[in-house]
Amino acid sequence: MLIPEDLKLRAVERAKSDNMSFGEFVRRALEKSLQDTDSDPFWNDKAVFRGEVPSDYSENHDDYLYGESH
């Protein structure tokens, strides 16, 4: 596994400050990264809205969601 030198240095420093080895730090980071996407409803939501929407919806979504006086 190739890790950019600056990233590895930051990870080694974090591991030291957390009193663990670099390998343990990497294992925990990978585990956390893989767990988060498995349990996060945002990433698990596969629903897609296919109905009509106003052409300015992305720009003015707060107005549509909360009303113009939000």
PDB file of N, CA and C in Angstrom:
ATOM      1  N   MET A   1       0.852  -1.157   0.000  1.00  0.00           N
ATOM      2  CA  MET A   1       0.000   0.000   0.000  1.00  0.00           C
ATOM      3  C   MET A   1       0.907   1.232   0.000  1.00  0.00           C
ATOM      4  N   LEU A   2       0.683   2.123  -0.947  1.00  0.00           N
ATOM      5  CA  LEU A   2       1.455   3.356  -1.016  1.00  0.00           C
ATOM      6  C   LEU A   2       0.658   4.494  -0.387  1.00  0.00           C
ATOM      7  N   ILE A   3       1.284   5.195   0.523  1.00  0.00           N
ATOM      8  CA  ILE A   3       0.652   6.323   1.213  1.00  0.00           C
ATOM      9  C   ILE A   3       1.545   7.538   0.994  1.00  0.00           C
ATOM     10  N   PRO A   4       0.971   8.652   0.551  1.00  0.00           N
ATOM     11  CA  PRO A   4       1.796   9.856   0.400  1.00  0.00           C
ATOM     12  C   PRO A   4       2.512  10.182   1.715  1.00  0.00           C
ATOM     13  N   GLU A   5       3.758  10.614   1.595  1.00  0.00           N
ATOM     14  CA  GLU A   5       4.605  10.826   2.771  1.00  0.00           C
ATOM     15  C   GLU A   5       3.970  11.772   3.793  1.00  0.00           C
ATOM     16  N   ASP A   6       3.376  12.879   3.334  1.00  0.00           N
ATOM     17  CA  ASP A   6       2.777  13.825   4.278  1.00  0.00           C
ATOM     18  C   ASP A   6       1.596  13.211   5.018  1.00  0.00           C
ATOM     19  N   LEU A   7       0.807  12.392   4.336  1.00  0.00           N
ATOM     20  CA  LEU A   7      -0.325  11.725   4.972  1.00  0.00           C
ATOM     21  C   LEU A   7       0.166  10.704   5.997  1.00  0.00           C
ATOM     22  N   LYS A   8       1.206   9.959   5.625  1.00  0.00           N
ATOM     23  CA  LYS A   8       1.744   8.976   6.563  1.00  0.00           C
ATOM     24  C   LYS A   8       2.310   9.652   7.807  1.00  0.00           C
ATOM     25  N   LEU A   9       3.016  10.749   7.627  1.00  0.00           N
ATOM     26  CA  LEU A   9       3.567  11.465   8.780  1.00  0.00           C
ATOM     27  C   LEU A   9       2.460  11.943   9.714  1.00  0.00           C
ATOM     28  N   ARG A  10       1.385  12.474   9.134  1.00  0.00           N
ATOM     29  CA  ARG A  10       0.258  12.921   9.971  1.00  0.00           C
ATOM     30  C   ARG A  10      -0.369  11.752  10.706  1.00  0.00           C
ATOM     31  N   ALA A  11      -0.507  10.617  10.011  1.00  0.00           N
ATOM     32  CA  ALA A  11      -1.110   9.437  10.639  1.00  0.00           C
ATOM     33  C   ALA A  11      -0.216   8.882  11.741  1.00  0.00           C
ATOM     34  N   VAL A  12       1.084   8.857  11.509  1.00  0.00           N
ATOM     35  CA  VAL A  12       2.019   8.376  12.522  1.00  0.00           C
ATOM     36  C   VAL A  12       1.950   9.266  13.762  1.00  0.00           C
ATOM     37  N   GLU A  13       1.915  10.565  13.560  1.00  0.00           N
ATOM     38  CA  GLU A  13       1.815  11.496  14.697  1.00  0.00           C
ATOM     39  C   GLU A  13       0.510  11.293  15.463  1.00  0.00           C
ATOM     40  N   ARG A  14      -0.592  11.119  14.737  1.00  0.00           N
ATOM     41  CA  ARG A  14      -1.882  10.888  15.414  1.00  0.00           C
ATOM     42  C   ARG A  14      -1.845   9.586  16.191  1.00  0.00           C
ATOM     43  N   ALA A  15      -1.294   8.550  15.589  1.00  0.00           N
ATOM     44  CA  ALA A  15      -1.188   7.260  16.270  1.00  0.00           C
ATOM     45  C   ALA A  15      -0.390   7.401  17.563  1.00  0.00           C
ATOM     46  N   LYS A  16       0.732   8.110  17.492  1.00  0.00           N
ATOM     47  CA  LYS A  16       1.550   8.326  18.690  1.00  0.00           C
ATOM     48  C   LYS A  16       0.762   9.070  19.756  1.00  0.00           C
ATOM     49  N   SER A  17       0.038  10.108  19.350  1.00  0.00           N
ATOM     50  CA  SER A  17      -0.713  10.891  20.338  1.00  0.00           C
ATOM     51  C   SER A  17      -1.850  10.078  20.954  1.00  0.00           C
ATOM     52  N   ASP A  18      -2.328   9.060  20.220  1.00  0.00           N
ATOM     53  CA  ASP A  18      -3.380   8.177  20.733  1.00  0.00           C
ATOM     54  C   ASP A  18      -2.804   6.911  21.368  1.00  0.00           C
ATOM     55  N   ASN A  19      -1.469   6.881  21.537  1.00  0.00           N
ATOM     56  CA  ASN A  19      -0.778   5.739  22.165  1.00  0.00           C
ATOM     57  C   ASN A  19      -1.067   4.410  21.481  1.00  0.00           C
ATOM     58  N   MET A  20      -0.951   4.399  20.153  1.00  0.00           N
ATOM     59  CA  MET A  20      -1.121   3.145  19.421  1.00  0.00           C
ATOM     60  C   MET A  20      -0.118   3.095  18.279  1.00  0.00           C
ATOM     61  N   SER A  21       0.056   1.910  17.746  1.00  0.00           N
ATOM     62  CA  SER A  21       0.968   1.747  16.618  1.00  0.00           C
ATOM     63  C   SER A  21       0.328   2.317  15.351  1.00  0.00           C
ATOM     64  N   PHE A  22       1.182   2.592  14.380  1.00  0.00           N
ATOM     65  CA  PHE A  22       0.692   3.062  13.088  1.00  0.00           C
ATOM     66  C   PHE A  22      -0.240   2.021  12.464  1.00  0.00           C
ATOM     67  N   GLY A  23       0.137   0.742  12.559  1.00  0.00           N
ATOM     68  CA  GLY A  23      -0.700  -0.330  12.001  1.00  0.00           C
ATOM     69  C   GLY A  23      -2.078  -0.371  12.635  1.00  0.00           C
ATOM     70  N   GLU A  24      -2.128  -0.242  13.966  1.00  0.00           N
ATOM     71  CA  GLU A  24      -3.421  -0.230  14.663  1.00  0.00           C
ATOM     72  C   GLU A  24      -4.246   0.980  14.237  1.00  0.00           C
ATOM     73  N   PHE A  25      -3.589   2.116  14.102  1.00  0.00           N
ATOM     74  CA  PHE A  25      -4.284   3.317  13.658  1.00  0.00           C
ATOM     75  C   PHE A  25      -4.912   3.102  12.280  1.00  0.00           C
ATOM     76  N   VAL A  26      -4.142   2.533  11.358  1.00  0.00           N
ATOM     77  CA  VAL A  26      -4.647   2.280   9.998  1.00  0.00           C
ATOM     78  C   VAL A  26      -5.805   1.289  10.038  1.00  0.00           C
ATOM     79  N   ARG A  27      -5.674   0.202  10.807  1.00  0.00           N
ATOM     80  CA  ARG A  27      -6.761  -0.783  10.918  1.00  0.00           C
ATOM     81  C   ARG A  27      -8.040  -0.138  11.443  1.00  0.00           C
ATOM     82  N   ARG A  28      -7.907   0.666  12.490  1.00  0.00           N
ATOM     83  CA  ARG A  28      -9.098   1.325  13.063  1.00  0.00           C
ATOM     84  C   ARG A  28      -9.715   2.319  12.080  1.00  0.00           C
ATOM     85  N   ALA A  29      -8.865   3.062  11.375  1.00  0.00           N
ATOM     86  CA  ALA A  29      -9.376   4.028  10.400  1.00  0.00           C
ATOM     87  C   ALA A  29     -10.124   3.320   9.274  1.00  0.00           C
ATOM     88  N   LEU A  30      -9.574   2.216   8.794  1.00  0.00           N
ATOM     89  CA  LEU A  30     -10.253   1.452   7.745  1.00  0.00           C
ATOM     90  C   LEU A  30     -11.571   0.883   8.241  1.00  0.00           C
ATOM     91  N   GLU A  31     -11.546   0.321   9.436  1.00  0.00           N
ATOM     92  CA  GLU A  31     -12.773  -0.246  10.011  1.00  0.00           C
ATOM     93  C   GLU A  31     -13.845   0.827  10.160  1.00  0.00           C
ATOM     94  N   LYS A  32     -13.472   1.973  10.686  1.00  0.00           N
ATOM     95  CA  LYS A  32     -14.427   3.065  10.867  1.00  0.00           C
ATOM     96  C   LYS A  32     -14.978   3.534   9.519  1.00  0.00           C
ATOM     97  N   SER A  33     -14.118   3.669   8.554  1.00  0.00           N
ATOM     98  CA  SER A  33     -14.534   4.115   7.235  1.00  0.00           C
ATOM     99  C   SER A  33     -15.528   3.134   6.608  1.00  0.00           C
ATOM    100  N   LEU A  34     -15.278   1.857   6.752  1.00  0.00           N
ATOM    101  CA  LEU A  34     -16.160   0.845   6.179  1.00  0.00           C
ATOM    102  C   LEU A  34     -17.464   0.730   6.949  1.00  0.00           C
ATOM    103  N   GLN A  35     -17.436   0.907   8.255  1.00  0.00           N
ATOM    104  CA  GLN A  35     -18.651   0.858   9.061  1.00  0.00           C
ATOM    105  C   GLN A  35     -19.561   2.038   8.765  1.00  0.00           C
ATOM    106  N   ASP A  36     -18.986   3.215   8.661  1.00  0.00           N
ATOM    107  CA  ASP A  36     -19.797   4.416   8.497  1.00  0.00           C
ATOM    108  C   ASP A  36     -20.703   4.343   7.278  1.00  0.00           C
ATOM    109  N   THR A  37     -20.204   3.879   6.141  1.00  0.00           N
ATOM    110  CA  THR A  37     -21.043   3.836   4.945  1.00  0.00           C
ATOM    111  C   THR A  37     -22.062   2.719   5.022  1.00  0.00           C
ATOM    112  N   ASP A  38     -21.782   1.658   5.790  1.00  0.00           N
ATOM    113  CA  ASP A  38     -22.736   0.569   5.928  1.00  0.00           C
ATOM    114  C   ASP A  38     -23.936   0.966   6.767  1.00  0.00           C
ATOM    115  N   SER A  39     -23.736   1.842   7.752  1.00  0.00           N
ATOM    116  CA  SER A  39     -24.815   2.160   8.680  1.00  0.00           C
ATOM    117  C   SER A  39     -25.396   3.560   8.483  1.00  0.00           C
ATOM    118  N   ASP A  40     -24.853   4.332   7.579  1.00  0.00           N
ATOM    119  CA  ASP A  40     -25.317   5.705   7.378  1.00  0.00           C
ATOM    120  C   ASP A  40     -26.529   5.728   6.454  1.00  0.00           C
ATOM    121  N   PRO A  41     -27.699   6.163   6.941  1.00  0.00           N
ATOM    122  CA  PRO A  41     -28.901   6.178   6.114  1.00  0.00           C
ATOM    123  C   PRO A  41     -28.750   7.044   4.864  1.00  0.00           C
ATOM    124  N   PHE A  42     -27.916   8.079   4.928  1.00  0.00           N
ATOM    125  CA  PHE A  42     -27.715   8.923   3.752  1.00  0.00           C
ATOM    126  C   PHE A  42     -27.162   8.111   2.591  1.00  0.00           C
ATOM    127  N   TRP A  43     -26.137   7.299   2.855  1.00  0.00           N
ATOM    128  CA  TRP A  43     -25.519   6.502   1.795  1.00  0.00           C
ATOM    129  C   TRP A  43     -26.356   5.291   1.418  1.00  0.00           C
ATOM    130  N   ASN A  44     -27.204   4.815   2.318  1.00  0.00           N
ATOM    131  CA  ASN A  44     -28.020   3.634   2.036  1.00  0.00           C
ATOM    132  C   ASN A  44     -29.329   3.971   1.341  1.00  0.00           C
ATOM    133  N   ASP A  45     -29.716   5.226   1.307  1.00  0.00           N
ATOM    134  CA  ASP A  45     -30.971   5.640   0.682  1.00  0.00           C
ATOM    135  C   ASP A  45     -30.814   5.598  -0.836  1.00  0.00           C
ATOM    136  N   LYS A  46     -31.518   4.694  -1.470  1.00  0.00           N
ATOM    137  CA  LYS A  46     -31.420   4.536  -2.928  1.00  0.00           C
ATOM    138  C   LYS A  46     -32.607   5.166  -3.658  1.00  0.00           C
ATOM    139  N   ALA A  47     -33.487   5.850  -2.907  1.00  0.00           N
ATOM    140  CA  ALA A  47     -34.661   6.464  -3.517  1.00  0.00           C
ATOM    141  C   ALA A  47     -34.257   7.617  -4.430  1.00  0.00           C
ATOM    142  N   VAL A  48     -34.928   7.710  -5.551  1.00  0.00           N
ATOM    143  CA  VAL A  48     -34.686   8.786  -6.514  1.00  0.00           C
ATOM    144  C   VAL A  48     -36.023   9.413  -6.857  1.00  0.00           C
ATOM    145  N   PHE A  49     -36.123  10.729  -6.725  1.00  0.00           N
ATOM    146  CA  PHE A  49     -37.347  11.434  -7.084  1.00  0.00           C
ATOM    147  C   PHE A  49     -37.326  11.702  -8.571  1.00  0.00           C
ATOM    148  N   ARG A  50     -38.368  11.269  -9.276  1.00  0.00           N
ATOM    149  CA  ARG A  50     -38.400  11.414 -10.724  1.00  0.00           C
ATOM    150  C   ARG A  50     -39.541  12.321 -11.187  1.00  0.00           C
ATOM    151  N   GLY A  51     -40.173  13.037 -10.260  1.00  0.00           N
ATOM    152  CA  GLY A  51     -41.288  13.907 -10.614  1.00  0.00           C
ATOM    153  C   GLY A  51     -40.820  15.268 -11.123  1.00  0.00           C
ATOM    154  N   GLU A  52     -41.781  16.103 -11.427  1.00  0.00           N
ATOM    155  CA  GLU A  52     -41.497  17.455 -11.899  1.00  0.00           C
ATOM    156  C   GLU A  52     -41.053  18.336 -10.731  1.00  0.00           C
ATOM    157  N   VAL A  53     -40.090  19.191 -10.967  1.00  0.00           N
ATOM    158  CA  VAL A  53     -39.649  20.170  -9.975  1.00  0.00           C
ATOM    159  C   VAL A  53     -39.441  21.505 -10.680  1.00  0.00           C
ATOM    160  N   PRO A  54     -39.582  22.607  -9.949  1.00  0.00           N
ATOM    161  CA  PRO A  54     -39.337  23.915 -10.555  1.00  0.00           C
ATOM    162  C   PRO A  54     -37.892  24.021 -11.050  1.00  0.00           C
ATOM    163  N   SER A  55     -37.673  24.775 -12.097  1.00  0.00           N
ATOM    164  CA  SER A  55     -36.340  24.879 -12.690  1.00  0.00           C
ATOM    165  C   SER A  55     -35.335  25.558 -11.755  1.00  0.00           C
ATOM    166  N   ASP A  56     -35.821  26.340 -10.785  1.00  0.00           N
ATOM    167  CA  ASP A  56     -34.904  27.015  -9.855  1.00  0.00           C
ATOM    168  C   ASP A  56     -34.827  26.313  -8.496  1.00  0.00           C
ATOM    169  N   TYR A  57     -35.223  25.060  -8.440  1.00  0.00           N
ATOM    170  CA  TYR A  57     -35.303  24.354  -7.161  1.00  0.00           C
ATOM    171  C   TYR A  57     -33.951  24.267  -6.447  1.00  0.00           C
ATOM    172  N   SER A  58     -32.895  23.959  -7.177  1.00  0.00           N
ATOM    173  CA  SER A  58     -31.604  23.823  -6.498  1.00  0.00           C
ATOM    174  C   SER A  58     -31.126  25.150  -5.922  1.00  0.00           C
ATOM    175  N   GLU A  59     -31.422  26.233  -6.603  1.00  0.00           N
ATOM    176  CA  GLU A  59     -30.993  27.550  -6.125  1.00  0.00           C
ATOM    177  C   GLU A  59     -31.855  28.047  -4.976  1.00  0.00           C
ATOM    178  N   ASN A  60     -33.153  27.746  -5.006  1.00  0.00           N
ATOM    179  CA  ASN A  60     -34.097  28.272  -4.008  1.00  0.00           C
ATOM    180  C   ASN A  60     -34.741  27.169  -3.170  1.00  0.00           C
ATOM    181  N   HIS A  61     -34.027  26.080  -2.940  1.00  0.00           N
ATOM    182  CA  HIS A  61     -34.621  24.944  -2.223  1.00  0.00           C
ATOM    183  C   HIS A  61     -35.103  25.299  -0.824  1.00  0.00           C
ATOM    184  N   ASP A  62     -34.424  26.213  -0.129  1.00  0.00           N
ATOM    185  CA  ASP A  62     -34.898  26.596   1.213  1.00  0.00           C
ATOM    186  C   ASP A  62     -36.282  27.226   1.154  1.00  0.00           C
ATOM    187  N   ASP A  63     -36.517  28.055   0.151  1.00  0.00           N
ATOM    188  CA  ASP A  63     -37.843  28.672  -0.002  1.00  0.00           C
ATOM    189  C   ASP A  63     -38.910  27.607  -0.216  1.00  0.00           C
ATOM    190  N   TYR A  64     -38.615  26.607  -1.039  1.00  0.00           N
ATOM    191  CA  TYR A  64     -39.584  25.552  -1.304  1.00  0.00           C
ATOM    192  C   TYR A  64     -39.788  24.648  -0.098  1.00  0.00           C
ATOM    193  N   LEU A  65     -38.723  24.402   0.646  1.00  0.00           N
ATOM    194  CA  LEU A  65     -38.845  23.509   1.798  1.00  0.00           C
ATOM    195  C   LEU A  65     -39.428  24.190   3.021  1.00  0.00           C
ATOM    196  N   TYR A  66     -39.031  25.431   3.280  1.00  0.00           N
ATOM    197  CA  TYR A  66     -39.387  26.087   4.538  1.00  0.00           C
ATOM    198  C   TYR A  66     -40.270  27.320   4.363  1.00  0.00           C
ATOM    199  N   GLY A  67     -40.523  27.724   3.136  1.00  0.00           N
ATOM    200  CA  GLY A  67     -41.293  28.928   2.882  1.00  0.00           C
ATOM    201  C   GLY A  67     -40.383  30.125   2.709  1.00  0.00           C
ATOM    202  N   GLU A  68     -40.878  31.130   2.060  1.00  0.00           N
ATOM    203  CA  GLU A  68     -40.043  32.284   1.743  1.00  0.00           C
ATOM    204  C   GLU A  68     -39.627  33.082   2.964  1.00  0.00           C
ATOM    205  N   SER A  69     -40.327  32.945   4.074  1.00  0.00           N
ATOM    206  CA  SER A  69     -40.002  33.746   5.266  1.00  0.00           C
ATOM    207  C   SER A  69     -39.065  33.010   6.220  1.00  0.00           C
ATOM    208  N   HIS A  70     -38.423  31.955   5.788  1.00  0.00           N
ATOM    209  CA  HIS A  70     -37.566  31.169   6.692  1.00  0.00           C
ATOM    210  C   HIS A  70     -36.500  32.059   7.208  1.00  0.00           C
TER     211      HIS A  70
END
